[in-house]
All heavy atoms as atom14 arrays in JSON, in Angstrom:
{
  "sequence": "LEKHSPNSTWLIETNSLEDTEKSIQWLMNN",
  "atom14_mask": [
    [1, 1, 1, 1, 1, 1, 1, 1, 0, 0, 0, 0, 0, 0],
    [1, 1, 1, 1, 1, 1, 1, 1, 1, 0, 0, 0, 0, 0],
    [1, 1, 1, 1, 1, 1, 1, 1, 1, 0, 0, 0, 0, 0],
    [1, 1, 1, 1, 1, 1, 1, 1, 1, 1, 0, 0, 0, 0],
    [1, 1, 1, 1, 1, 1, 0, 0, 0, 0, 0, 0, 0, 0],
    [1, 1, 1, 1, 1, 1, 1, 0, 0, 0, 0, 0, 0, 0],
    [1, 1, 1, 1, 1, 1, 1, 1, 0, 0, 0, 0, 0, 0],
    [1, 1, 1, 1, 1, 1, 0, 0, 0, 0, 0, 0, 0, 0],
    [1, 1, 1, 1, 1, 1, 1, 0, 0, 0, 0, 0, 0, 0],
    [1, 1, 1, 1, 1, 1, 1, 1, 1, 1, 1, 1, 1, 1],
    [1, 1, 1, 1, 1, 1, 1, 1, 0, 0, 0, 0, 0, 0],
    [1, 1, 1, 1, 1, 1, 1, 1, 0, 0, 0, 0, 0, 0],
    [1, 1, 1, 1, 1, 1, 1, 1, 1, 0, 0, 0, 0, 0],
    [1, 1, 1, 1, 1, 1, 1, 0, 0, 0, 0, 0, 0, 0],
    [1, 1, 1, 1, 1, 1, 1, 1, 0, 0, 0, 0, 0, 0],
    [1, 1, 1, 1, 1, 1, 0, 0, 0, 0, 0, 0, 0, 0],
    [1, 1, 1, 1, 1, 1, 1, 1, 0, 0, 0, 0, 0, 0],
    [1, 1, 1, 1, 1, 1, 1, 1, 1, 0, 0, 0, 0, 0],
    [1, 1, 1, 1, 1, 1, 1, 1, 0, 0, 0, 0, 0, 0],
    [1, 1, 1, 1, 1, 1, 1, 0, 0, 0, 0, 0, 0, 0],
    [1, 1, 1, 1, 1, 1, 1, 1, 1, 0, 0, 0, 0, 0],
    [1, 1, 1, 1, 1, 1, 1, 1, 1, 0, 0, 0, 0, 0],
    [1, 1, 1, 1, 1, 1, 0, 0, 0, 0, 0, 0, 0, 0],
    [1, 1, 1, 1, 1, 1, 1, 1, 0, 0, 0, 0, 0, 0],
    [1, 1, 1, 1, 1, 1, 1, 1, 1, 0, 0, 0, 0, 0],
    [1, 1, 1, 1, 1, 1, 1, 1, 1, 1, 1, 1, 1, 1],
    [1, 1, 1, 1, 1, 1, 1, 1, 0, 0, 0, 0, 0, 0],
    [1, 1, 1, 1, 1, 1, 1, 1, 0, 0, 0, 0, 0, 0],
    [1, 1, 1, 1, 1, 1, 1, 1, 0, 0, 0, 0, 0, 0],
    [1, 1, 1, 1, 1, 1, 1, 1, 0, 0, 0, 0, 0, 0]
  ],
  "atom14_positions": [
    [[69.24, -13.26, 35.77], [69.11, -13.63, 37.16], [68.04, -14.78, 37.24], [68.28, -15.73, 38.03], [68.6, -12.44, 38.01], [69.65, -11.43, 38.32], [69.05, -10.19, 38.94], [70.76, -11.99, 39.28], [0.0, 0.0, 0.0], [0.0, 0.0, 0.0], [0.0, 0.0, 0.0], [0.0, 0.0, 0.0], [0.0, 0.0, 0.0], [0.0, 0.0, 0.0]],
    [[66.98, -14.72, 36.5], [65.97, -15.8, 36.57], [66.58, -17.1, 36.01], [66.22, -18.18, 36.51], [64.75, -15.36, 35.78], [63.93, -14.26, 36.41], [62.51, -14.25, 36.02], [62.27, -14.57, 34.78], [61.62, -13.91, 36.84], [0.0, 0.0, 0.0], [0.0, 0.0, 0.0], [0.0, 0.0, 0.0], [0.0, 0.0, 0.0], [0.0, 0.0, 0.0]],
    [[67.47, -16.96, 35.08], [68.09, -18.2, 34.5], [69.19, -18.78, 35.42], [69.21, -19.98, 35.68], [68.74, -17.86, 33.12], [69.48, -19.04, 32.49], [70.08, -18.65, 31.16], [70.84, -19.8, 30.54], [71.48, -19.46, 29.24], [0.0, 0.0, 0.0], [0.0, 0.0, 0.0], [0.0, 0.0, 0.0], [0.0, 0.0, 0.0], [0.0, 0.0, 0.0]],
    [[70.1, -17.93, 35.93], [71.26, -18.42, 36.6], [71.11, -18.43, 38.09], [71.81, -19.22, 38.75], [72.52, -17.56, 36.19], [72.9, -17.62, 34.79], [73.52, -18.7, 34.24], [72.72, -16.75, 33.78], [73.79, -18.5, 32.96], [73.24, -17.33, 32.64], [0.0, 0.0, 0.0], [0.0, 0.0, 0.0], [0.0, 0.0, 0.0], [0.0, 0.0, 0.0]],
    [[70.3, -17.55, 38.65], [70.11, -17.46, 40.1], [68.62, -17.42, 40.46], [68.13, -16.45, 41.06], [70.8, -16.16, 40.62], [72.09, -16.04, 40.07], [0.0, 0.0, 0.0], [0.0, 0.0, 0.0], [0.0, 0.0, 0.0], [0.0, 0.0, 0.0], [0.0, 0.0, 0.0], [0.0, 0.0, 0.0], [0.0, 0.0, 0.0], [0.0, 0.0, 0.0]],
    [[67.88, -18.52, 40.13], [66.44, -18.44, 40.22], [65.91, -18.39, 41.63], [64.75, -18.0, 41.84], [66.05, -19.82, 39.58], [67.25, -20.68, 39.78], [68.43, -19.78, 39.61], [0.0, 0.0, 0.0], [0.0, 0.0, 0.0], [0.0, 0.0, 0.0], [0.0, 0.0, 0.0], [0.0, 0.0, 0.0], [0.0, 0.0, 0.0], [0.0, 0.0, 0.0]],
    [[66.73, -18.72, 42.68], [66.28, -18.65, 44.01], [66.69, -17.39, 44.78], [66.53, -17.28, 45.99], [66.78, -19.91, 44.78], [66.24, -21.18, 44.18], [65.04, -21.26, 43.87], [67.1, -22.19, 44.08], [0.0, 0.0, 0.0], [0.0, 0.0, 0.0], [0.0, 0.0, 0.0], [0.0, 0.0, 0.0], [0.0, 0.0, 0.0], [0.0, 0.0, 0.0]],
    [[67.25, -16.42, 44.06], [67.77, -15.23, 44.73], [66.59, -14.3, 45.07], [65.53, -14.28, 44.4], [68.72, -14.52, 43.83], [68.12, -14.11, 42.6], [0.0, 0.0, 0.0], [0.0, 0.0, 0.0], [0.0, 0.0, 0.0], [0.0, 0.0, 0.0], [0.0, 0.0, 0.0], [0.0, 0.0, 0.0], [0.0, 0.0, 0.0], [0.0, 0.0, 0.0]],
    [[66.77, -13.51, 46.13], [65.8, -12.51, 46.58], [66.27, -11.2, 45.96], [67.44, -10.83, 46.0], [65.8, -12.42, 48.1], [65.33, -13.68, 48.62], [64.87, -11.32, 48.54], [0.0, 0.0, 0.0], [0.0, 0.0, 0.0], [0.0, 0.0, 0.0], [0.0, 0.0, 0.0], [0.0, 0.0, 0.0], [0.0, 0.0, 0.0], [0.0, 0.0, 0.0]],
    [[65.3, -10.4, 45.39], [65.64, -9.15, 44.72], [65.32, -7.98, 45.59], [64.15, -7.84, 45.97], [64.87, -9.06, 43.4], [65.23, -10.08, 42.36], [66.02, -11.24, 42.55], [64.78, -10.07, 41.03], [66.07, -11.91, 41.39], [65.34, -11.24, 40.41], [64.01, -9.26, 40.22], [65.11, -11.61, 39.08], [63.79, -9.6, 38.9], [64.34, -10.74, 38.31]],
    [[66.29, -7.12, 45.88], [66.06, -5.96, 46.68], [66.22, -4.7, 45.82], [67.27, -4.52, 45.14], [67.16, -5.85, 47.79], [67.1, -6.85, 48.95], [67.79, -8.15, 48.53], [67.75, -6.3, 50.18], [0.0, 0.0, 0.0], [0.0, 0.0, 0.0], [0.0, 0.0, 0.0], [0.0, 0.0, 0.0], [0.0, 0.0, 0.0], [0.0, 0.0, 0.0]],
    [[65.18, -3.91, 45.84], [65.21, -2.6, 45.11], [65.88, -1.6, 46.03], [65.41, -1.37, 47.13], [63.82, -2.17, 44.7], [63.13, -3.19, 43.76], [63.87, -0.76, 44.03], [61.67, -2.87, 43.46], [0.0, 0.0, 0.0], [0.0, 0.0, 0.0], [0.0, 0.0, 0.0], [0.0, 0.0, 0.0], [0.0, 0.0, 0.0], [0.0, 0.0, 0.0]],
    [[67.02, -1.02, 45.55], [67.8, -0.13, 46.41], [68.06, 1.2, 45.77], [69.22, 1.63, 45.61], [69.11, -0.83, 46.78], [69.84, -0.23, 48.0], [71.19, -0.85, 48.25], [71.86, -1.27, 47.34], [71.47, -0.96, 49.47], [0.0, 0.0, 0.0], [0.0, 0.0, 0.0], [0.0, 0.0, 0.0], [0.0, 0.0, 0.0], [0.0, 0.0, 0.0]],
    [[66.97, 1.86, 45.37], [67.14, 3.17, 44.76], [67.07, 4.28, 45.81], [66.5, 4.11, 46.91], [66.04, 3.41, 43.73], [64.74, 3.22, 44.37], [66.17, 2.44, 42.53], [0.0, 0.0, 0.0], [0.0, 0.0, 0.0], [0.0, 0.0, 0.0], [0.0, 0.0, 0.0], [0.0, 0.0, 0.0], [0.0, 0.0, 0.0], [0.0, 0.0, 0.0]],
    [[67.64, 5.46, 45.46], [67.73, 6.53, 46.46], [66.42, 7.2, 46.8], [66.15, 7.57, 47.94], [68.74, 7.61, 46.0], [70.16, 7.26, 46.37], [70.4, 6.5, 47.32], [71.13, 7.8, 45.65], [0.0, 0.0, 0.0], [0.0, 0.0, 0.0], [0.0, 0.0, 0.0], [0.0, 0.0, 0.0], [0.0, 0.0, 0.0], [0.0, 0.0, 0.0]],
    [[65.57, 7.42, 45.72], [64.36, 8.19, 46.02], [63.11, 7.28, 45.99], [63.13, 6.2, 45.33], [64.17, 9.3, 44.95], [63.83, 8.71, 43.67], [0.0, 0.0, 0.0], [0.0, 0.0, 0.0], [0.0, 0.0, 0.0], [0.0, 0.0, 0.0], [0.0, 0.0, 0.0], [0.0, 0.0, 0.0], [0.0, 0.0, 0.0], [0.0, 0.0, 0.0]],
    [[62.1, 7.69, 46.7], [60.83, 6.94, 46.68], [60.23, 6.88, 45.3], [59.64, 5.86, 44.91], [59.83, 7.56, 47.68], [60.23, 7.45, 49.13], [59.23, 8.27, 50.01], [60.24, 6.03, 49.62], [0.0, 0.0, 0.0], [0.0, 0.0, 0.0], [0.0, 0.0, 0.0], [0.0, 0.0, 0.0], [0.0, 0.0, 0.0], [0.0, 0.0, 0.0]],
    [[60.37, 7.95, 44.55], [59.87, 8.01, 43.17], [60.58, 6.93, 42.27], [59.92, 6.22, 41.57], [60.09, 9.38, 42.57], [59.57, 9.52, 41.13], [59.86, 10.86, 40.53], [60.47, 11.73, 41.24], [59.46, 11.1, 39.32], [0.0, 0.0, 0.0], [0.0, 0.0, 0.0], [0.0, 0.0, 0.0], [0.0, 0.0, 0.0], [0.0, 0.0, 0.0]],
    [[61.91, 6.84, 42.45], [62.61, 5.79, 41.66], [62.3, 4.39, 42.11], [62.26, 3.47, 41.37], [64.13, 6.12, 41.81], [64.61, 7.2, 40.9], [63.8, 7.78, 40.16], [65.84, 7.53, 40.93], [0.0, 0.0, 0.0], [0.0, 0.0, 0.0], [0.0, 0.0, 0.0], [0.0, 0.0, 0.0], [0.0, 0.0, 0.0], [0.0, 0.0, 0.0]],
    [[62.03, 4.27, 43.43], [61.66, 2.95, 43.92], [60.35, 2.5, 43.33], [60.19, 1.41, 42.87], [61.51, 3.01, 45.51], [62.78, 3.33, 46.03], [61.03, 1.67, 46.0], [0.0, 0.0, 0.0], [0.0, 0.0, 0.0], [0.0, 0.0, 0.0], [0.0, 0.0, 0.0], [0.0, 0.0, 0.0], [0.0, 0.0, 0.0], [0.0, 0.0, 0.0]],
    [[59.34, 3.42, 43.35], [58.07, 3.03, 42.73], [58.1, 2.84, 41.24], [57.45, 1.91, 40.72], [56.99, 4.13, 43.09], [55.55, 3.61, 42.79], [54.53, 4.26, 43.67], [54.79, 5.34, 44.28], [53.46, 3.66, 43.8], [0.0, 0.0, 0.0], [0.0, 0.0, 0.0], [0.0, 0.0, 0.0], [0.0, 0.0, 0.0], [0.0, 0.0, 0.0]],
    [[58.93, 3.6, 40.54], [59.19, 3.45, 39.13], [59.71, 1.98, 38.83], [59.34, 1.28, 37.89], [60.15, 4.41, 38.55], [59.56, 5.8, 38.3], [60.73, 6.67, 37.68], [60.26, 8.09, 37.49], [61.41, 8.95, 36.96], [0.0, 0.0, 0.0], [0.0, 0.0, 0.0], [0.0, 0.0, 0.0], [0.0, 0.0, 0.0], [0.0, 0.0, 0.0]],
    [[60.62, 1.59, 39.73], [61.24, 0.27, 39.58], [60.32, -0.91, 39.92], [60.36, -1.92, 39.17], [62.48, 0.2, 40.44], [63.39, 1.21, 40.08], [0.0, 0.0, 0.0], [0.0, 0.0, 0.0], [0.0, 0.0, 0.0], [0.0, 0.0, 0.0], [0.0, 0.0, 0.0], [0.0, 0.0, 0.0], [0.0, 0.0, 0.0], [0.0, 0.0, 0.0]],
    [[59.45, -0.66, 40.92], [58.41, -1.67, 41.19], [57.49, -1.82, 39.98], [57.2, -2.97, 39.53], [57.58, -1.29, 42.39], [58.44, -1.25, 43.65], [56.41, -2.23, 42.61], [57.75, -0.62, 44.87], [0.0, 0.0, 0.0], [0.0, 0.0, 0.0], [0.0, 0.0, 0.0], [0.0, 0.0, 0.0], [0.0, 0.0, 0.0], [0.0, 0.0, 0.0]],
    [[57.04, -0.74, 39.38], [56.21, -0.72, 38.27], [56.83, -1.41, 37.06], [56.19, -2.16, 36.3], [55.76, 0.68, 37.93], [54.78, 1.31, 38.89], [53.43, 0.69, 38.91], [53.04, 0.02, 37.98], [52.66, 1.02, 39.99], [0.0, 0.0, 0.0], [0.0, 0.0, 0.0], [0.0, 0.0, 0.0], [0.0, 0.0, 0.0], [0.0, 0.0, 0.0]],
    [[58.17, -1.13, 36.89], [58.87, -1.8, 35.79], [58.9, -3.29, 35.9], [58.68, -4.08, 34.95], [60.34, -1.24, 35.71], [61.1, -1.7, 34.46], [61.13, -1.16, 33.26], [61.8, -2.95, 34.38], [61.9, -1.95, 32.43], [62.36, -3.06, 33.07], [62.11, -3.99, 35.31], [63.13, -4.08, 32.67], [62.89, -5.01, 34.88], [63.43, -5.09, 33.57]],
    [[59.14, -3.76, 37.13], [59.16, -5.19, 37.38], [57.75, -5.83, 37.1], [57.64, -6.87, 36.51], [59.55, -5.47, 38.85], [60.98, -5.3, 39.22], [61.23, -5.51, 40.71], [61.94, -6.19, 38.44], [0.0, 0.0, 0.0], [0.0, 0.0, 0.0], [0.0, 0.0, 0.0], [0.0, 0.0, 0.0], [0.0, 0.0, 0.0], [0.0, 0.0, 0.0]],
    [[56.71, -5.14, 37.5], [55.38, -5.6, 37.29], [55.03, -5.59, 35.84], [54.45, -6.59, 35.29], [54.34, -4.75, 38.1], [54.52, -4.84, 39.6], [53.41, -3.69, 40.51], [51.83, -4.38, 40.15], [0.0, 0.0, 0.0], [0.0, 0.0, 0.0], [0.0, 0.0, 0.0], [0.0, 0.0, 0.0], [0.0, 0.0, 0.0], [0.0, 0.0, 0.0]],
    [[55.35, -4.53, 35.13], [55.0, -4.4, 33.71], [55.71, -5.48, 32.86], [55.23, -5.78, 31.78], [55.32, -3.01, 33.21], [54.44, -1.98, 33.76], [53.36, -2.25, 34.31], [54.86, -0.71, 33.77], [0.0, 0.0, 0.0], [0.0, 0.0, 0.0], [0.0, 0.0, 0.0], [0.0, 0.0, 0.0], [0.0, 0.0, 0.0], [0.0, 0.0, 0.0]],
    [[56.89, -5.89, 33.33], [57.69, -6.85, 32.57], [57.58, -8.28, 33.16], [58.39, -9.14, 32.77], [59.15, -6.36, 32.46], [59.35, -5.18, 31.61], [59.27, -5.3, 30.39], [59.48, -4.0, 32.21], [0.0, 0.0, 0.0], [0.0, 0.0, 0.0], [0.0, 0.0, 0.0], [0.0, 0.0, 0.0], [0.0, 0.0, 0.0], [0.0, 0.0, 0.0]]
  ]
}
């Protein structure tokens, strides 16, 4: 996505709040 669609907006769309926060942390860690 960073290579091919660099101007896209990324929406985290997980079902649970726990999974949402896990995904935020994964983006930050990487």
